[in-house]
Protein backbone atom coordinates (compact mmCIF):
# COMPACT_ATOMS: atom_id res chain seq x y z
CA MET A 1 -41.15 -5.15 -33.44
CA ALA A 2 -40.41 -6.49 -29.95
CA LYS A 3 -42.85 -5.42 -27.32
CA GLN A 4 -41.31 -2.81 -25.03
CA LEU A 5 -41.63 -3.29 -21.26
CA PRO A 6 -43.59 -0.67 -19.31
CA LYS A 7 -41.41 1.91 -17.60
CA ARG A 8 -42.33 0.64 -14.12
CA ASN A 9 -41.35 -2.93 -14.97
CA LEU A 10 -38.17 -1.72 -16.63
CA GLU A 11 -37.22 0.14 -13.46
CA ARG A 12 -37.83 -2.99 -11.39
CA VAL A 13 -35.63 -5.03 -13.71
CA GLY A 14 -32.87 -2.42 -13.44
CA GLN A 15 -33.13 -2.33 -9.64
CA GLY A 16 -33.07 -6.11 -9.48
CA VAL A 17 -29.96 -6.43 -11.67
CA THR A 18 -28.01 -3.71 -9.86
CA GLY A 19 -29.15 -5.04 -6.47
CA ALA A 20 -27.94 -8.52 -7.43
CA CYS A 21 -24.54 -7.05 -8.36
CA VAL A 22 -24.29 -5.32 -4.98
CA ALA A 23 -25.30 -8.52 -3.19
CA LEU A 24 -22.71 -10.53 -5.14
CA VAL A 25 -19.90 -8.11 -4.30
CA THR A 26 -20.97 -8.05 -0.63
CA LEU A 27 -21.02 -11.85 -0.45
CA LEU A 28 -17.59 -12.08 -2.07
CA VAL A 29 -16.09 -9.61 0.41
CA LEU A 30 -17.71 -11.32 3.41
CA ALA A 31 -16.67 -14.77 2.17
CA LEU A 32 -13.10 -13.57 1.71
CA ILE A 33 -12.96 -12.07 5.20
CA VAL A 34 -14.52 -15.14 6.83
CA MET A 35 -12.22 -17.57 4.99
CA VAL A 36 -9.02 -15.71 5.82
CA ALA A 37 -10.11 -15.10 9.42
CA GLN A 38 -11.05 -18.74 9.93
CA LYS A 39 -7.74 -20.05 8.62
CA GLY A 40 -5.69 -17.32 10.28
CA LEU A 41 -7.24 -17.75 13.72
CA SER A 42 -6.70 -21.53 13.57
CA THR A 43 -3.08 -20.84 14.45
CA PHE A 44 -4.08 -19.67 17.91
CA ILE A 45 -7.31 -21.63 18.49
CA LYS A 46 -6.51 -25.04 16.99
CA ASP A 47 -2.72 -25.19 16.98
CA GLY A 48 -2.14 -23.42 20.29
CA VAL A 49 0.41 -20.86 19.11
CA ASP A 50 0.86 -18.08 21.67
CA VAL A 51 -0.65 -14.81 20.43
CA VAL A 52 1.78 -12.59 22.33
CA GLY A 53 4.75 -14.65 21.20
CA PHE A 54 3.56 -14.47 17.60
CA PHE A 55 3.52 -10.67 17.57
CA THR A 56 6.52 -10.02 19.83
CA GLY A 57 8.83 -12.98 19.17
CA THR A 58 11.97 -12.40 17.12
CA ASP A 59 12.69 -15.98 16.01
CA TRP A 60 10.98 -17.02 12.79
CA SER A 61 11.70 -20.41 11.28
CA LEU A 62 8.83 -22.61 10.19
CA ALA A 63 11.22 -25.43 9.31
CA ASN A 64 12.55 -25.75 12.87
CA VAL A 65 10.01 -27.52 15.09
CA ASP A 66 10.41 -27.58 18.87
CA GLU A 67 10.34 -31.21 20.03
CA ALA A 68 8.71 -30.29 23.33
CA THR A 69 5.78 -28.31 21.95
CA GLY A 70 5.69 -29.61 18.38
CA LEU A 71 5.40 -26.01 17.14
CA PRO A 72 7.70 -24.10 14.78
CA GLN A 73 9.35 -20.81 15.62
CA THR A 74 6.68 -18.24 14.85
CA GLY A 75 8.00 -14.90 16.10
CA ALA A 76 6.70 -12.54 13.40
CA LEU A 77 8.08 -9.29 14.83
CA PRO A 78 11.01 -9.10 12.34
CA LEU A 79 8.58 -9.39 9.43
CA ILE A 80 6.28 -6.75 10.91
CA VAL A 81 9.11 -4.32 11.62
CA THR A 82 10.58 -4.74 8.13
CA SER A 83 7.19 -4.29 6.45
CA PHE A 84 6.51 -1.02 8.27
CA ALA A 85 10.09 0.19 7.79
CA VAL A 86 9.96 -0.34 4.03
CA THR A 87 6.50 1.24 3.78
CA LEU A 88 7.31 4.35 5.83
CA LEU A 89 10.71 4.91 4.23
CA SER A 90 9.35 4.55 0.68
CA THR A 91 6.55 7.00 1.51
CA ALA A 92 9.04 9.47 2.97
CA ILE A 93 11.07 9.29 -0.26
CA ALA A 94 8.13 9.51 -2.68
CA LEU A 95 5.97 12.10 -0.87
CA PRO A 96 8.10 15.27 -1.35
CA ILE A 97 8.71 14.41 -5.02
CA ALA A 98 5.02 13.69 -5.63
CA ILE A 99 3.76 16.84 -3.91
CA GLY A 100 6.38 19.04 -5.59
CA SER A 101 5.58 17.58 -9.00
CA ALA A 102 1.85 18.04 -8.43
CA ILE A 103 2.32 21.69 -7.40
CA PHE A 104 4.37 22.42 -10.54
CA ALA A 105 1.97 20.57 -12.86
CA VAL A 106 -1.18 22.22 -11.45
CA GLU A 107 -0.15 25.63 -10.13
CA ILE A 108 2.95 26.64 -12.11
CA ALA A 109 2.52 25.03 -15.56
CA PRO A 110 -1.03 23.68 -15.75
CA SER A 111 -1.06 23.30 -19.53
CA PHE A 112 2.17 21.27 -19.50
CA GLY A 113 0.92 19.28 -16.52
CA LYS A 114 -2.36 18.25 -18.12
CA ARG A 115 -1.11 17.56 -21.65
CA VAL A 116 2.37 16.13 -21.06
CA PHE A 117 3.27 15.41 -17.45
CA GLN A 118 0.17 13.60 -16.18
CA PRO A 119 -0.09 11.18 -19.15
CA MET A 120 3.63 10.46 -18.79
CA VAL A 121 3.23 9.73 -15.07
CA GLU A 122 0.20 7.52 -15.67
CA LEU A 123 2.25 5.37 -18.03
CA LEU A 124 4.33 4.25 -15.04
CA VAL A 125 1.23 2.71 -13.44
CA GLY A 126 1.00 0.08 -16.18
CA ILE A 127 4.59 -1.14 -15.81
CA PRO A 128 4.63 -4.65 -14.24
CA SER A 129 6.16 -5.09 -10.79
CA VAL A 130 8.77 -7.52 -12.11
CA VAL A 131 10.23 -4.75 -14.30
CA PHE A 132 10.71 -2.51 -11.26
CA GLY A 133 12.22 -5.50 -9.46
CA LEU A 134 14.70 -6.14 -12.28
CA ILE A 135 15.71 -2.48 -12.38
CA GLY A 136 16.10 -2.49 -8.62
CA PHE A 137 18.18 -5.66 -8.64
CA HIS A 138 20.54 -4.58 -11.41
CA VAL A 139 20.74 -0.84 -10.67
CA VAL A 140 19.72 0.03 -7.10
CA VAL A 141 21.37 -2.97 -5.47
CA ALA A 142 24.55 -2.44 -7.52
CA VAL A 143 24.69 1.24 -6.55
CA CYS A 144 24.21 0.37 -2.86
CA LYS A 145 27.08 -2.11 -3.12
CA VAL A 146 29.41 0.56 -4.48
CA LEU A 147 28.31 3.43 -2.25
CA PHE A 148 28.08 1.59 1.06
CA GLY A 149 30.52 -1.24 0.49
CA THR A 150 28.09 -3.99 1.51
CA GLN A 151 28.47 -7.57 0.38
CA THR A 152 25.00 -8.06 -1.11
CA GLY A 153 23.63 -4.52 -1.46
CA MET A 154 20.22 -5.82 -0.43
CA GLY A 155 18.05 -4.68 2.44
CA ILE A 156 15.38 -2.25 3.53
CA LEU A 157 16.89 0.77 1.75
CA PRO A 158 16.94 -0.77 -1.77
CA GLY A 159 13.43 -2.10 -1.19
CA ALA A 160 12.22 1.34 -0.10
CA ILE A 161 13.80 3.02 -3.14
CA VAL A 162 12.14 0.59 -5.54
CA LEU A 163 8.80 0.94 -3.74
CA SER A 164 9.02 4.74 -3.77
CA ILE A 165 9.31 4.65 -7.57
CA MET A 166 6.35 2.27 -7.77
CA ILE A 167 4.01 4.36 -5.59
CA LEU A 168 5.16 7.69 -7.06
CA PRO A 169 2.65 7.67 -9.97
CA THR A 170 -0.26 6.89 -7.65
CA VAL A 171 0.56 9.60 -5.12
CA THR A 172 1.43 12.15 -7.81
CA THR A 173 -1.75 11.60 -9.83
CA LEU A 174 -4.03 11.74 -6.79
CA SER A 175 -2.20 14.83 -5.52
CA MET A 176 -2.75 16.62 -8.84
CA ASP A 177 -6.45 15.74 -8.70
CA ALA A 178 -6.60 17.06 -5.13
CA LEU A 179 -5.02 20.39 -6.07
CA ARG A 180 -7.26 20.79 -9.12
CA ALA A 181 -10.31 20.26 -6.91
CA VAL A 182 -9.53 23.43 -4.93
CA PRO A 183 -11.89 26.18 -6.22
CA ASP A 184 -10.23 28.94 -8.21
CA GLY A 185 -12.06 31.45 -6.03
CA TYR A 186 -9.74 30.54 -3.16
CA ARG A 187 -6.69 31.42 -5.26
CA GLN A 188 -8.21 34.63 -6.63
CA GLY A 189 -9.29 35.77 -3.17
CA SER A 190 -5.83 35.12 -1.76
CA LEU A 191 -4.11 37.01 -4.58
CA ALA A 192 -6.57 39.88 -4.17
CA LEU A 193 -5.56 40.17 -0.51
CA GLY A 194 -1.94 40.67 -1.53
CA TYR A 195 -0.55 37.15 -1.12
CA THR A 196 2.15 36.07 -3.55
CA ARG A 197 1.71 32.96 -5.70
CA TRP A 198 3.85 30.83 -3.35
CA GLN A 199 2.05 32.15 -0.26
CA THR A 200 -1.25 31.26 -1.92
CA ILE A 201 -0.04 27.76 -2.74
CA TRP A 202 1.35 27.14 0.75
CA HIS A 203 -1.29 28.76 2.95
CA VAL A 204 -4.44 28.34 0.84
CA VAL A 205 -4.23 25.64 -1.82
CA LEU A 206 -2.30 23.01 0.13
CA LYS A 207 -4.31 23.64 3.28
CA SER A 208 -7.59 23.26 1.40
CA ALA A 209 -6.42 20.11 -0.37
CA LEU A 210 -4.89 18.54 2.76
CA PRO A 211 -7.59 15.85 3.33
CA SER A 212 -7.34 14.67 -0.28
CA LEU A 213 -3.54 14.77 -0.13
CA MET A 214 -3.63 12.62 3.01
CA THR A 215 -5.84 10.14 1.17
CA ALA A 216 -3.27 9.99 -1.64
CA VAL A 217 -0.53 9.27 0.90
CA ILE A 218 -2.53 6.50 2.60
CA LEU A 219 -3.34 4.87 -0.75
CA GLY A 220 0.34 4.95 -1.64
CA MET A 221 1.22 3.37 1.71
CA THR A 222 -1.41 0.68 1.14
CA ARG A 223 0.19 -0.31 -2.15
CA ALA A 224 3.67 -0.22 -0.62
CA PHE A 225 2.60 -2.38 2.32
CA GLY A 226 1.17 -5.08 0.06
CA GLU A 227 3.79 -5.11 -2.69
CA THR A 228 5.59 -8.44 -3.04
CA LEU A 229 7.53 -9.29 -6.18
CA ALA A 230 9.68 -6.19 -6.63
CA VAL A 231 10.56 -6.05 -2.92
CA ARG A 232 11.38 -9.75 -2.84
CA MET A 233 14.03 -9.27 -5.55
CA VAL A 234 15.98 -6.58 -3.66
CA ILE A 235 15.41 -7.07 0.07
CA GLY A 236 17.42 -10.26 0.58
CA GLY A 237 14.83 -12.69 1.97
CA ALA A 238 16.43 -13.18 5.41
CA GLU A 239 13.66 -13.69 7.99
CA VAL A 240 15.55 -12.06 10.87
CA MET A 241 15.37 -8.76 12.70
CA PRO A 242 17.11 -6.23 10.42
CA ALA A 243 20.35 -4.90 11.90
CA SER A 244 20.48 -1.91 9.53
CA LEU A 245 18.91 -0.51 6.39
CA LEU A 246 21.38 -2.50 4.31
CA SER A 247 21.14 -5.88 5.99
CA PRO A 248 19.08 -8.62 4.26
CA ALA A 249 15.56 -8.84 5.66
CA SER A 250 12.08 -10.04 4.72
CA THR A 251 8.60 -8.53 4.78
CA ILE A 252 5.29 -10.25 5.49
CA THR A 253 4.43 -10.45 1.80
CA THR A 254 7.81 -11.82 0.70
CA THR A 255 7.64 -14.52 3.38
CA LEU A 256 4.15 -15.48 2.26
CA THR A 257 5.11 -15.86 -1.39
CA THR A 258 8.25 -17.80 -0.51
CA SER A 259 6.69 -20.26 1.95
CA MET A 260 3.03 -20.72 0.99
CA ALA A 261 3.66 -23.45 -1.61
CA ILE A 262 6.03 -25.45 0.62
CA TYR A 263 3.77 -26.65 3.44
CA ALA A 264 0.68 -28.86 3.30
CA ASP A 265 -2.83 -27.62 3.98
CA GLY A 266 -3.88 -28.09 7.60
CA SER A 267 -0.32 -28.03 8.95
CA VAL A 268 0.73 -25.60 11.67
CA GLN A 269 3.08 -23.88 9.25
CA LYS A 270 0.33 -23.27 6.71
CA ASP A 271 -1.98 -21.92 9.42
CA VAL A 272 0.76 -19.54 10.56
CA LEU A 273 1.12 -18.23 7.02
CA TRP A 274 -2.64 -17.68 6.88
CA SER A 275 -2.24 -15.66 10.09
CA LEU A 276 0.21 -13.41 8.27
CA GLY A 277 -2.38 -13.03 5.50
CA LEU A 278 -5.00 -12.12 8.11
CA MET A 279 -2.63 -9.50 9.48
CA LEU A 280 -2.19 -8.01 6.01
CA MET A 281 -5.94 -7.90 5.46
CA GLY A 282 -6.42 -6.24 8.84
CA MET A 283 -3.87 -3.56 7.96
CA SER A 284 -5.62 -2.94 4.64
CA LEU A 285 -8.94 -2.49 6.45
CA ILE A 286 -7.29 -0.05 8.85
CA PHE A 287 -5.89 1.97 5.94
CA ILE A 288 -9.35 2.04 4.33
CA MET A 289 -10.98 3.24 7.56
CA ILE A 290 -8.35 5.98 7.86
CA ILE A 291 -9.16 7.12 4.31
CA HIS A 292 -12.89 7.26 5.09
CA PHE A 293 -12.21 9.14 8.34
CA ILE A 294 -10.05 11.70 6.55
CA GLY A 295 -12.70 12.07 3.84
CA LYS A 296 -15.41 12.76 6.42
CA LYS A 297 -13.23 15.28 8.25
CA GLY A 298 -12.47 17.01 4.95
CA ALA A 299 -16.15 17.16 4.03
CA LYS A 300 -17.02 18.70 7.40
CA SER A 301 -14.21 21.26 7.20
CA HIS A 302 -15.47 22.38 3.76
CA GLY A 303 -19.05 22.64 4.93
């Protein structure tokens, strides 16, 4: 029989292995942040692109180079506006449906919610983005053409509708978990005081679960903000300031996927695209910090 290590040595081996895993993950995250930051900041430090003009300019065309400055048109404001518009509109569409579904599945029909509804919703998570994009292109865009009489049917509204369907499973599942985490004693105490079921849900359950519900919303917005393929198929790909919800536009992610393979490494255009990637990473970090802040506030409010 193989000789067994003493318990103290076995604990040291376990601590060493798990510590090495933590160190590896930390190094990967730091290396990713440093690499993206280095390449993204080169646009302003090495190439001399104006920071204010980058964030506030409305002309974006990396193919058109100004002969005087030798720099392309790098006004990223249309991409920023479109990205936030699609994200906020998709969240506004998905949130009421997700919260209403979660309330029904947890508070009204918990047996149906746990056995049937939640597994059915979780199946949507595994559907590839391209499938949502195809459905959006052939159904949502076609419906927008008929209803609004537009030429292409593409724009922010179709992109937001497709994104709302994509983030719906995430927000719904996390909302159901948040409502289930509310202690039953809160419900029983409210009913004992004479509150109706709907008064209990509105004034007690939802209020108690609010921090976790906010986390679900932020996570849904994070996915919507970074989604690329499905949005690219229905938004139109025009890198201009959107005139309406049904005018072709482009988000930060769609511009990155369209242009990244065109330009050579080290060029001004490639550095500008890395700056867009740095902006995306910064927004993701902000969303994560908001989630942690909400979690801490929720923990304090619950003692």
